[in-house]
Amino acid sequence: MTVNDTAQACAAYVRKAHAGPMPTTAIILGSGLGAFADSIDAAATIPYSDIPGFPRSTVAGHAGRLIVGAVDGVPILCMQGRMHLYEGYSAQTLAIPIRTLKLLGVETLVLTNAAGGLLKDKPAGSLMVIEDHINFSGANPLIGENDESVGPRFFDMSNAYDRSLRQSMMAVAQQQNIDVFSGIYVQVAGPNFETPAEVKMFAAMGAHAVGMSTVPECLVAVHCGMRVVGVSLISNLAAGISTNPLSHEEVFEEAQKAEGRFTRLLVSFLKAKNEDVAAGR
């Protein structure tokens, strides 16, 4: 089966599991950020393992569930947990969840992740609205035969992280007195944390945070016409900047500390976006 065939089957299964209207906004929750799902009034919760052909999350802290529901009255589709190249998935397989969301009617995709910080003055716990990205993973989910019915063979990425959505996220953060900054995210394949030499190189390239996800999802989403906005939680300062050994446990600890601010930012953003749509803005 092709990626599109698999996505069609996945979308059909989800529609059978939830016969009601599907939200047009979806969010993917990164490492340690799954607690946001607790704020969702769920109409349906579907384990990835129940969806035929849908890849599974195998990393601790990624619950592996698709939630259909609402946050403060705003309809939302939530992927509580994602998949990564380092889990052994091909880049093309990472396209399946995004294509499934598209087939379900999603128009706006909110991407979140935990990332290593490359700026000394933006410590663990800082929130970064993703301005742009650098693909340093060596992989691209769109390599291979292109389906023109999904998107063009060659597509523009100059506004990959939608400018108006980023501005809205920054404005909401200011209204809520939540400190955020705008920066560039670089993706590596993982699963090891980066070396100090690599961190120096990424900083010299103009990156502000480094992680092991997000870029494949953004590529697939933009290719099929979605609007994308992204937020990184700086869970640690990267190697060579921090003198402490890096660990997955630290990622979770920092995510838990920032949980309240992170959830408040996302909920406020979703409400503001919903109000703009209702007002025709």
C-alpha atoms as a PDB file:
ATOM      1  CA  MET A   1       0.000   0.000   0.000  1.00  0.00           C
ATOM      2  CA  THR A   2       1.125   3.557  -0.661  1.00  0.00           C
ATOM      3  CA  VAL A   3       1.298   6.190   2.077  1.00  0.00           C
ATOM      4  CA  ASN A   4      -1.934   7.658   0.697  1.00  0.00           C
ATOM      5  CA  ASP A   5      -3.704   4.286   0.678  1.00  0.00           C
ATOM      6  CA  THR A   6      -2.685   3.728   4.301  1.00  0.00           C
ATOM      7  CA  ALA A   7      -3.777   7.229   5.307  1.00  0.00           C
ATOM      8  CA  GLN A   8      -7.151   6.692   3.606  1.00  0.00           C
ATOM      9  CA  ALA A   9      -7.671   3.500   5.614  1.00  0.00           C
ATOM     10  CA  CYS A  10      -6.613   5.227   8.851  1.00  0.00           C
ATOM     11  CA  ALA A  11      -8.981   8.148   8.257  1.00  0.00           C
ATOM     12  CA  ALA A  12     -11.858   5.772   7.477  1.00  0.00           C
ATOM     13  CA  TYR A  13     -11.255   3.933  10.766  1.00  0.00           C
ATOM     14  CA  VAL A  14     -11.200   7.177  12.774  1.00  0.00           C
ATOM     15  CA  ARG A  15     -14.457   8.323  11.163  1.00  0.00           C
ATOM     16  CA  LYS A  16     -16.096   5.055  12.176  1.00  0.00           C
ATOM     17  CA  ALA A  17     -14.791   5.449  15.732  1.00  0.00           C
ATOM     18  CA  HIS A  18     -16.127   9.021  15.890  1.00  0.00           C
ATOM     19  CA  ALA A  19     -19.139   9.655  13.677  1.00  0.00           C
ATOM     20  CA  GLY A  20     -19.507  13.331  14.644  1.00  0.00           C
ATOM     21  CA  PRO A  21     -17.968  16.403  12.998  1.00  0.00           C
ATOM     22  CA  MET A  22     -14.179  16.457  12.844  1.00  0.00           C
ATOM     23  CA  PRO A  23     -12.221  19.482  14.115  1.00  0.00           C
ATOM     24  CA  THR A  24     -10.256  21.496  11.567  1.00  0.00           C
ATOM     25  CA  THR A  25      -7.390  22.162  13.987  1.00  0.00           C
ATOM     26  CA  ALA A  26      -5.009  19.465  15.239  1.00  0.00           C
ATOM     27  CA  ILE A  27      -2.155  19.488  17.727  1.00  0.00           C
ATOM     28  CA  ILE A  28       0.754  17.073  18.119  1.00  0.00           C
ATOM     29  CA  LEU A  29       2.169  16.838  21.629  1.00  0.00           C
ATOM     30  CA  GLY A  30       5.896  16.281  22.074  1.00  0.00           C
ATOM     31  CA  SER A  31       8.030  14.658  24.760  1.00  0.00           C
ATOM     32  CA  GLY A  32       6.794  15.411  28.262  1.00  0.00           C
ATOM     33  CA  LEU A  33       3.971  17.626  26.990  1.00  0.00           C
ATOM     34  CA  GLY A  34       1.196  15.040  26.940  1.00  0.00           C
ATOM     35  CA  ALA A  35      -0.456  16.525  30.030  1.00  0.00           C
ATOM     36  CA  PHE A  36      -2.103  19.131  27.774  1.00  0.00           C
ATOM     37  CA  ALA A  37      -4.473  16.329  26.797  1.00  0.00           C
ATOM     38  CA  ASP A  38      -5.947  16.492  30.323  1.00  0.00           C
ATOM     39  CA  SER A  39      -7.524  19.828  29.369  1.00  0.00           C
ATOM     40  CA  ILE A  40      -9.433  18.237  26.467  1.00  0.00           C
ATOM     41  CA  ASP A  41     -13.110  17.357  26.834  1.00  0.00           C
ATOM     42  CA  ALA A  42     -12.792  14.120  24.864  1.00  0.00           C
ATOM     43  CA  ALA A  43     -15.563  12.810  22.636  1.00  0.00           C
ATOM     44  CA  ALA A  44     -13.403   9.892  21.456  1.00  0.00           C
ATOM     45  CA  THR A  45     -10.000   8.517  22.467  1.00  0.00           C
ATOM     46  CA  ILE A  46      -8.450   6.105  19.974  1.00  0.00           C
ATOM     47  CA  PRO A  47      -5.161   4.284  20.668  1.00  0.00           C
ATOM     48  CA  TYR A  48      -2.815   4.402  17.694  1.00  0.00           C
ATOM     49  CA  SER A  49      -2.519   0.630  17.979  1.00  0.00           C
ATOM     50  CA  ASP A  50      -6.235   0.306  17.124  1.00  0.00           C
ATOM     51  CA  ILE A  51      -5.896   2.200  13.840  1.00  0.00           C
ATOM     52  CA  PRO A  52      -4.830  -0.200  11.056  1.00  0.00           C
ATOM     53  CA  GLY A  53      -1.578   0.948   9.472  1.00  0.00           C
ATOM     54  CA  PHE A  54      -1.086   3.907  11.801  1.00  0.00           C
ATOM     55  CA  PRO A  55       2.461   3.978  13.233  1.00  0.00           C
ATOM     56  CA  ARG A  56       2.827   3.615  16.999  1.00  0.00           C
ATOM     57  CA  SER A  57       4.723   5.700  19.541  1.00  0.00           C
ATOM     58  CA  THR A  58       7.361   3.612  21.312  1.00  0.00           C
ATOM     59  CA  VAL A  59       9.035   6.319  23.417  1.00  0.00           C
ATOM     60  CA  ALA A  60       8.326   6.787  27.132  1.00  0.00           C
ATOM     61  CA  GLY A  61       6.068   9.774  27.705  1.00  0.00           C
ATOM     62  CA  HIS A  62       4.246   9.453  24.370  1.00  0.00           C
ATOM     63  CA  ALA A  63       0.852   7.958  25.226  1.00  0.00           C
ATOM     64  CA  GLY A  64       0.065   7.038  21.627  1.00  0.00           C
ATOM     65  CA  ARG A  65      -3.569   8.157  21.434  1.00  0.00           C
ATOM     66  CA  LEU A  66      -5.650  10.206  19.019  1.00  0.00           C
ATOM     67  CA  ILE A  67      -8.164  12.348  20.894  1.00  0.00           C
ATOM     68  CA  VAL A  68     -11.199  13.995  19.302  1.00  0.00           C
ATOM     69  CA  GLY A  69     -12.742  16.651  21.527  1.00  0.00           C
ATOM     70  CA  ALA A  70     -12.693  20.291  22.543  1.00  0.00           C
ATOM     71  CA  VAL A  71     -10.678  22.657  24.746  1.00  0.00           C
ATOM     72  CA  ASP A  72     -12.747  25.436  26.303  1.00  0.00           C
ATOM     73  CA  GLY A  73     -15.312  24.857  23.575  1.00  0.00           C
ATOM     74  CA  VAL A  74     -12.756  24.893  20.745  1.00  0.00           C
ATOM     75  CA  PRO A  75     -12.891  21.677  18.664  1.00  0.00           C
ATOM     76  CA  ILE A  76      -9.500  19.955  18.529  1.00  0.00           C
ATOM     77  CA  LEU A  77      -7.882  16.769  17.245  1.00  0.00           C
ATOM     78  CA  CYS A  78      -4.932  15.830  19.429  1.00  0.00           C
ATOM     79  CA  MET A  79      -2.123  13.391  18.782  1.00  0.00           C
ATOM     80  CA  GLN A  80      -0.909  12.587  22.285  1.00  0.00           C
ATOM     81  CA  GLY A  81       2.526  11.409  21.277  1.00  0.00           C
ATOM     82  CA  ARG A  82       4.415  11.258  17.972  1.00  0.00           C
ATOM     83  CA  MET A  83       6.784   9.030  16.027  1.00  0.00           C
ATOM     84  CA  HIS A  84      10.464   9.665  15.283  1.00  0.00           C
ATOM     85  CA  LEU A  85      13.106   8.557  12.815  1.00  0.00           C
ATOM     86  CA  TYR A  86      15.171   7.122  15.669  1.00  0.00           C
ATOM     87  CA  GLU A  87      12.395   4.652  16.485  1.00  0.00           C
ATOM     88  CA  GLY A  88      13.224   2.931  13.204  1.00  0.00           C
ATOM     89  CA  TYR A  89      10.465   4.433  11.097  1.00  0.00           C
ATOM     90  CA  SER A  90      11.218   5.521   7.573  1.00  0.00           C
ATOM     91  CA  ALA A  91      10.695   9.183   6.815  1.00  0.00           C
ATOM     92  CA  GLN A  92       7.864   8.201   4.479  1.00  0.00           C
ATOM     93  CA  THR A  93       6.046   6.401   7.303  1.00  0.00           C
ATOM     94  CA  LEU A  94       6.092   9.640   9.297  1.00  0.00           C
ATOM     95  CA  ALA A  95       3.855  11.114   6.593  1.00  0.00           C
ATOM     96  CA  ILE A  96       0.976   8.760   7.431  1.00  0.00           C
ATOM     97  CA  PRO A  97      -0.331  10.561  10.560  1.00  0.00           C
ATOM     98  CA  ILE A  98      -0.238  13.980   8.858  1.00  0.00           C
ATOM     99  CA  ARG A  99      -1.944  12.729   5.697  1.00  0.00           C
ATOM    100  CA  THR A 100      -4.554  11.077   7.928  1.00  0.00           C
ATOM    101  CA  LEU A 101      -5.235  14.384   9.692  1.00  0.00           C
ATOM    102  CA  LYS A 102      -5.553  16.105   6.318  1.00  0.00           C
ATOM    103  CA  LEU A 103      -8.074  13.524   5.119  1.00  0.00           C
ATOM    104  CA  LEU A 104     -10.056  14.068   8.321  1.00  0.00           C
ATOM    105  CA  GLY A 105     -10.388  17.739   7.376  1.00  0.00           C
ATOM    106  CA  VAL A 106      -7.599  19.356   9.401  1.00  0.00           C
ATOM    107  CA  GLU A 107      -6.573  22.751   8.026  1.00  0.00           C
ATOM    108  CA  THR A 108      -4.316  24.042  10.831  1.00  0.00           C
ATOM    109  CA  LEU A 109      -1.611  21.994  12.566  1.00  0.00           C
ATOM    110  CA  VAL A 110      -0.028  22.992  15.881  1.00  0.00           C
ATOM    111  CA  LEU A 111       3.323  21.276  16.428  1.00  0.00           C
ATOM    112  CA  THR A 112       4.975  21.081  19.852  1.00  0.00           C
ATOM    113  CA  ASN A 113       8.245  19.592  21.019  1.00  0.00           C
ATOM    114  CA  ALA A 114      10.824  19.548  23.761  1.00  0.00           C
ATOM    115  CA  ALA A 115      14.174  20.845  22.518  1.00  0.00           C
ATOM    116  CA  GLY A 116      17.701  21.593  23.612  1.00  0.00           C
ATOM    117  CA  GLY A 117      18.459  25.279  23.916  1.00  0.00           C
ATOM    118  CA  LEU A 118      21.358  26.885  22.055  1.00  0.00           C
ATOM    119  CA  LEU A 119      21.109  30.281  23.758  1.00  0.00           C
ATOM    120  CA  LYS A 120      22.643  30.800  27.202  1.00  0.00           C
ATOM    121  CA  ASP A 121      20.064  33.464  28.064  1.00  0.00           C
ATOM    122  CA  LYS A 122      17.113  31.150  27.253  1.00  0.00           C
ATOM    123  CA  PRO A 123      17.352  28.494  29.967  1.00  0.00           C
ATOM    124  CA  ALA A 124      15.338  25.351  30.541  1.00  0.00           C
ATOM    125  CA  GLY A 125      11.655  26.173  30.832  1.00  0.00           C
ATOM    126  CA  SER A 126      11.711  28.857  28.116  1.00  0.00           C
ATOM    127  CA  LEU A 127       9.095  28.698  25.352  1.00  0.00           C
ATOM    128  CA  MET A 128      10.064  29.316  21.723  1.00  0.00           C
ATOM    129  CA  VAL A 129       7.621  30.023  18.894  1.00  0.00           C
ATOM    130  CA  ILE A 130       9.203  28.353  15.867  1.00  0.00           C
ATOM    131  CA  GLU A 131      10.039  30.912  13.204  1.00  0.00           C
ATOM    132  CA  ASP A 132      11.683  28.513  10.753  1.00  0.00           C
ATOM    133  CA  HIS A 133      13.566  25.231  10.715  1.00  0.00           C
ATOM    134  CA  ILE A 134      16.745  23.566   9.455  1.00  0.00           C
ATOM    135  CA  ASN A 135      16.486  19.936   8.355  1.00  0.00           C
ATOM    136  CA  PHE A 136      19.745  18.309   9.499  1.00  0.00           C
ATOM    137  CA  SER A 137      18.277  14.807   9.807  1.00  0.00           C
ATOM    138  CA  GLY A 138      19.346  13.608   6.367  1.00  0.00           C
ATOM    139  CA  ALA A 139      15.774  12.464   5.669  1.00  0.00           C
ATOM    140  CA  ASN A 140      12.673  13.832   3.986  1.00  0.00           C
ATOM    141  CA  PRO A 141       9.225  12.145   4.102  1.00  0.00           C
ATOM    142  CA  LEU A 142       8.394  13.385   0.586  1.00  0.00           C
ATOM    143  CA  ILE A 143      11.223  11.585  -1.226  1.00  0.00           C
ATOM    144  CA  GLY A 144       9.747   9.126  -3.705  1.00  0.00           C
ATOM    145  CA  GLU A 145       6.808   9.200  -6.097  1.00  0.00           C
ATOM    146  CA  ASN A 146       4.663  12.321  -5.702  1.00  0.00           C
ATOM    147  CA  ASP A 147       0.863  12.298  -5.744  1.00  0.00           C
ATOM    148  CA  GLU A 148      -0.219  15.527  -7.434  1.00  0.00           C
ATOM    149  CA  SER A 149      -3.689  15.174  -5.919  1.00  0.00           C
ATOM    150  CA  VAL A 150      -2.085  15.713  -2.500  1.00  0.00           C
ATOM    151  CA  GLY A 151       0.453  18.413  -3.312  1.00  0.00           C
ATOM    152  CA  PRO A 152       2.985  19.550  -5.913  1.00  0.00           C
ATOM    153  CA  ARG A 153       6.306  17.824  -6.533  1.00  0.00           C
ATOM    154  CA  PHE A 154       8.172  21.045  -5.674  1.00  0.00           C
ATOM    155  CA  PHE A 155       6.619  23.348  -3.087  1.00  0.00           C
ATOM    156  CA  ASP A 156       7.463  26.602  -1.348  1.00  0.00           C
ATOM    157  CA  MET A 157       8.651  26.636   2.270  1.00  0.00           C
ATOM    158  CA  SER A 158       9.224  30.385   2.707  1.00  0.00           C
ATOM    159  CA  ASN A 159       6.241  30.651   5.060  1.00  0.00           C
ATOM    160  CA  ALA A 160       6.311  27.110   6.444  1.00  0.00           C
ATOM    161  CA  TYR A 161       5.466  28.278   9.962  1.00  0.00           C
ATOM    162  CA  ASP A 162       2.567  30.544   9.107  1.00  0.00           C
ATOM    163  CA  ARG A 163       3.450  34.175   9.798  1.00  0.00           C
ATOM    164  CA  SER A 164      -0.011  35.256  10.928  1.00  0.00           C
ATOM    165  CA  LEU A 165      -0.369  32.270  13.259  1.00  0.00           C
ATOM    166  CA  ARG A 166       3.046  33.017  14.773  1.00  0.00           C
ATOM    167  CA  GLN A 167       2.055  36.629  15.316  1.00  0.00           C
ATOM    168  CA  SER A 168      -1.164  35.497  16.977  1.00  0.00           C
ATOM    169  CA  MET A 169       0.771  33.129  19.253  1.00  0.00           C
ATOM    170  CA  MET A 170       3.168  35.910  20.271  1.00  0.00           C
ATOM    171  CA  ALA A 171       0.277  38.336  20.886  1.00  0.00           C
ATOM    172  CA  VAL A 172      -1.572  35.818  23.043  1.00  0.00           C
ATOM    173  CA  ALA A 173       1.597  35.162  25.048  1.00  0.00           C
ATOM    174  CA  GLN A 174       1.956  38.886  25.719  1.00  0.00           C
ATOM    175  CA  GLN A 175      -1.691  39.150  26.798  1.00  0.00           C
ATOM    176  CA  GLN A 176      -1.229  36.202  29.170  1.00  0.00           C
ATOM    177  CA  ASN A 177       2.115  37.499  30.515  1.00  0.00           C
ATOM    178  CA  ILE A 178       3.880  34.390  29.268  1.00  0.00           C
ATOM    179  CA  ASP A 179       7.482  34.900  28.190  1.00  0.00           C
ATOM    180  CA  VAL A 180       8.170  33.505  24.725  1.00  0.00           C
ATOM    181  CA  PHE A 181      10.792  34.172  22.093  1.00  0.00           C
ATOM    182  CA  SER A 182      10.932  33.528  18.364  1.00  0.00           C
ATOM    183  CA  GLY A 183      13.629  31.237  17.012  1.00  0.00           C
ATOM    184  CA  ILE A 184      14.856  28.647  14.540  1.00  0.00           C
ATOM    185  CA  TYR A 185      14.620  24.912  15.238  1.00  0.00           C
ATOM    186  CA  VAL A 186      17.104  22.408  13.820  1.00  0.00           C
ATOM    187  CA  GLN A 187      16.241  18.729  13.575  1.00  0.00           C
ATOM    188  CA  VAL A 188      18.719  15.883  13.934  1.00  0.00           C
ATOM    189  CA  ALA A 189      17.923  12.187  13.551  1.00  0.00           C
ATOM    190  CA  GLY A 190      18.882  11.115  17.103  1.00  0.00           C
ATOM    191  CA  PRO A 191      18.550   9.144  19.294  1.00  0.00           C
ATOM    192  CA  ASN A 192      21.759  10.422  20.920  1.00  0.00           C
ATOM    193  CA  PHE A 193      21.932  13.951  22.223  1.00  0.00           C
ATOM    194  CA  GLU A 194      24.179  16.260  20.222  1.00  0.00           C
ATOM    195  CA  THR A 195      27.917  16.626  20.803  1.00  0.00           C
ATOM    196  CA  PRO A 196      29.352  19.973  21.948  1.00  0.00           C
ATOM    197  CA  ALA A 197      30.961  20.375  18.511  1.00  0.00           C
ATOM    198  CA  GLU A 198      27.627  19.842  16.781  1.00  0.00           C
ATOM    199  CA  VAL A 199      25.969  22.336  19.111  1.00  0.00           C
ATOM    200  CA  LYS A 200      28.581  24.969  18.223  1.00  0.00           C
ATOM    201  CA  MET A 201      27.944  24.301  14.530  1.00  0.00           C
ATOM    202  CA  PHE A 202      24.167  24.607  14.888  1.00  0.00           C
ATOM    203  CA  ALA A 203      24.528  27.902  16.736  1.00  0.00           C
ATOM    204  CA  ALA A 204      26.850  29.184  14.009  1.00  0.00           C
ATOM    205  CA  MET A 205      24.217  28.168  11.437  1.00  0.00           C
ATOM    206  CA  GLY A 206      21.713  30.433  13.153  1.00  0.00           C
ATOM    207  CA  ALA A 207      19.660  27.853  15.064  1.00  0.00           C
ATOM    208  CA  HIS A 208      18.268  28.537  18.534  1.00  0.00           C
ATOM    209  CA  ALA A 209      16.996  25.087  19.538  1.00  0.00           C
ATOM    210  CA  VAL A 210      17.706  21.507  18.509  1.00  0.00           C
ATOM    211  CA  GLY A 211      15.518  18.406  18.606  1.00  0.00           C
ATOM    212  CA  MET A 212      14.629  15.113  16.933  1.00  0.00           C
ATOM    213  CA  SER A 213      11.153  15.726  15.510  1.00  0.00           C
ATOM    214  CA  THR A 214       8.737  18.286  14.045  1.00  0.00           C
ATOM    215  CA  VAL A 215      10.422  18.969  10.692  1.00  0.00           C
ATOM    216  CA  PRO A 216       8.986  15.882   8.887  1.00  0.00           C
ATOM    217  CA  GLU A 217       5.497  16.784  10.111  1.00  0.00           C
ATOM    218  CA  CYS A 218       5.874  20.374   8.972  1.00  0.00           C
ATOM    219  CA  LEU A 219       7.089  19.296   5.522  1.00  0.00           C
ATOM    220  CA  VAL A 220       4.167  16.930   4.967  1.00  0.00           C
ATOM    221  CA  ALA A 221       1.634  19.430   6.311  1.00  0.00           C
ATOM    222  CA  VAL A 222       2.835  22.301   4.122  1.00  0.00           C
ATOM    223  CA  HIS A 223       2.975  19.988   1.091  1.00  0.00           C
ATOM    224  CA  CYS A 224      -0.711  19.119   1.470  1.00  0.00           C
ATOM    225  CA  GLY A 225      -1.845  22.680   2.135  1.00  0.00           C
ATOM    226  CA  MET A 226      -2.097  22.945   5.922  1.00  0.00           C
ATOM    227  CA  ARG A 227      -1.176  26.039   7.916  1.00  0.00           C
ATOM    228  CA  VAL A 228       1.452  25.243  10.557  1.00  0.00           C
ATOM    229  CA  VAL A 229       2.489  26.863  13.824  1.00  0.00           C
ATOM    230  CA  GLY A 230       5.015  25.410  16.255  1.00  0.00           C
ATOM    231  CA  VAL A 231       6.161  25.803  19.867  1.00  0.00           C
ATOM    232  CA  SER A 232       9.316  24.378  21.478  1.00  0.00           C
ATOM    233  CA  LEU A 233       9.748  23.946  25.200  1.00  0.00           C
ATOM    234  CA  ILE A 234      13.436  24.394  25.986  1.00  0.00           C
ATOM    235  CA  SER A 235      13.900  21.392  28.245  1.00  0.00           C
ATOM    236  CA  ASN A 236      17.661  21.729  28.719  1.00  0.00           C
ATOM    237  CA  LEU A 237      20.639  23.706  27.524  1.00  0.00           C
ATOM    238  CA  ALA A 238      22.462  21.707  24.861  1.00  0.00           C
ATOM    239  CA  ALA A 239      25.803  19.941  25.334  1.00  0.00           C
ATOM    240  CA  GLY A 240      28.740  22.297  25.755  1.00  0.00           C
ATOM    241  CA  ILE A 241      26.446  25.086  26.947  1.00  0.00           C
ATOM    242  CA  SER A 242      25.260  23.117  29.952  1.00  0.00           C
ATOM    243  CA  THR A 243      27.895  21.423  32.092  1.00  0.00           C
ATOM    244  CA  ASN A 244      25.425  18.743  33.208  1.00  0.00           C
ATOM    245  CA  PRO A 245      25.080  15.367  31.435  1.00  0.00           C
ATOM    246  CA  LEU A 246      21.924  15.310  29.306  1.00  0.00           C
ATOM    247  CA  SER A 247      19.099  12.837  29.955  1.00  0.00           C
ATOM    248  CA  HIS A 248      15.544  12.048  28.875  1.00  0.00           C
ATOM    249  CA  GLU A 249      14.502  12.346  32.529  1.00  0.00           C
ATOM    250  CA  GLU A 250      15.553  16.012  32.540  1.00  0.00           C
ATOM    251  CA  VAL A 251      13.277  16.617  29.552  1.00  0.00           C
ATOM    252  CA  PHE A 252      10.283  15.330  31.514  1.00  0.00           C
ATOM    253  CA  GLU A 253      11.167  17.220  34.661  1.00  0.00           C
ATOM    254  CA  GLU A 254      11.386  20.547  32.845  1.00  0.00           C
ATOM    255  CA  ALA A 255       8.223  19.821  30.854  1.00  0.00           C
ATOM    256  CA  GLN A 256       6.325  19.231  34.096  1.00  0.00           C
ATOM    257  CA  LYS A 257       7.599  22.514  35.531  1.00  0.00           C
ATOM    258  CA  ALA A 258       6.433  24.417  32.438  1.00  0.00           C
ATOM    259  CA  GLU A 259       3.171  22.477  32.095  1.00  0.00           C
ATOM    260  CA  GLY A 260       0.934  25.270  33.389  1.00  0.00           C
ATOM    261  CA  ARG A 261       2.389  28.009  31.174  1.00  0.00           C
ATOM    262  CA  PHE A 262       2.521  25.728  28.145  1.00  0.00           C
ATOM    263  CA  THR A 263      -1.122  24.673  28.490  1.00  0.00           C
ATOM    264  CA  ARG A 264      -2.283  28.231  29.142  1.00  0.00           C
ATOM    265  CA  LEU A 265      -0.479  29.462  26.024  1.00  0.00           C
ATOM    266  CA  LEU A 266      -1.955  26.777  23.786  1.00  0.00           C
ATOM    267  CA  VAL A 267      -5.497  27.061  25.132  1.00  0.00           C
ATOM    268  CA  SER A 268      -5.435  30.857  24.815  1.00  0.00           C
ATOM    269  CA  PHE A 269      -4.072  30.602  21.270  1.00  0.00           C
ATOM    270  CA  LEU A 270      -6.739  28.091  20.230  1.00  0.00           C
ATOM    271  CA  LYS A 271      -9.502  30.268  21.683  1.00  0.00           C
ATOM    272  CA  ALA A 272      -8.159  33.385  19.936  1.00  0.00           C
ATOM    273  CA  LYS A 273      -7.888  31.530  16.631  1.00  0.00           C
ATOM    274  CA  ASN A 274     -11.425  30.203  16.983  1.00  0.00           C
ATOM    275  CA  GLU A 275     -12.746  33.696  17.711  1.00  0.00           C
ATOM    276  CA  ASP A 276     -10.953  35.055  14.635  1.00  0.00           C
ATOM    277  CA  VAL A 277     -12.515  32.362  12.450  1.00  0.00           C
ATOM    278  CA  ALA A 278     -15.974  33.042  13.908  1.00  0.00           C
ATOM    279  CA  ALA A 279     -15.538  36.771  13.215  1.00  0.00           C
ATOM    280  CA  GLY A 280     -14.361  36.101   9.669  1.00  0.00           C
ATOM    281  CA  ARG A 281     -10.891  37.497  10.314  1.00  0.00           C
END
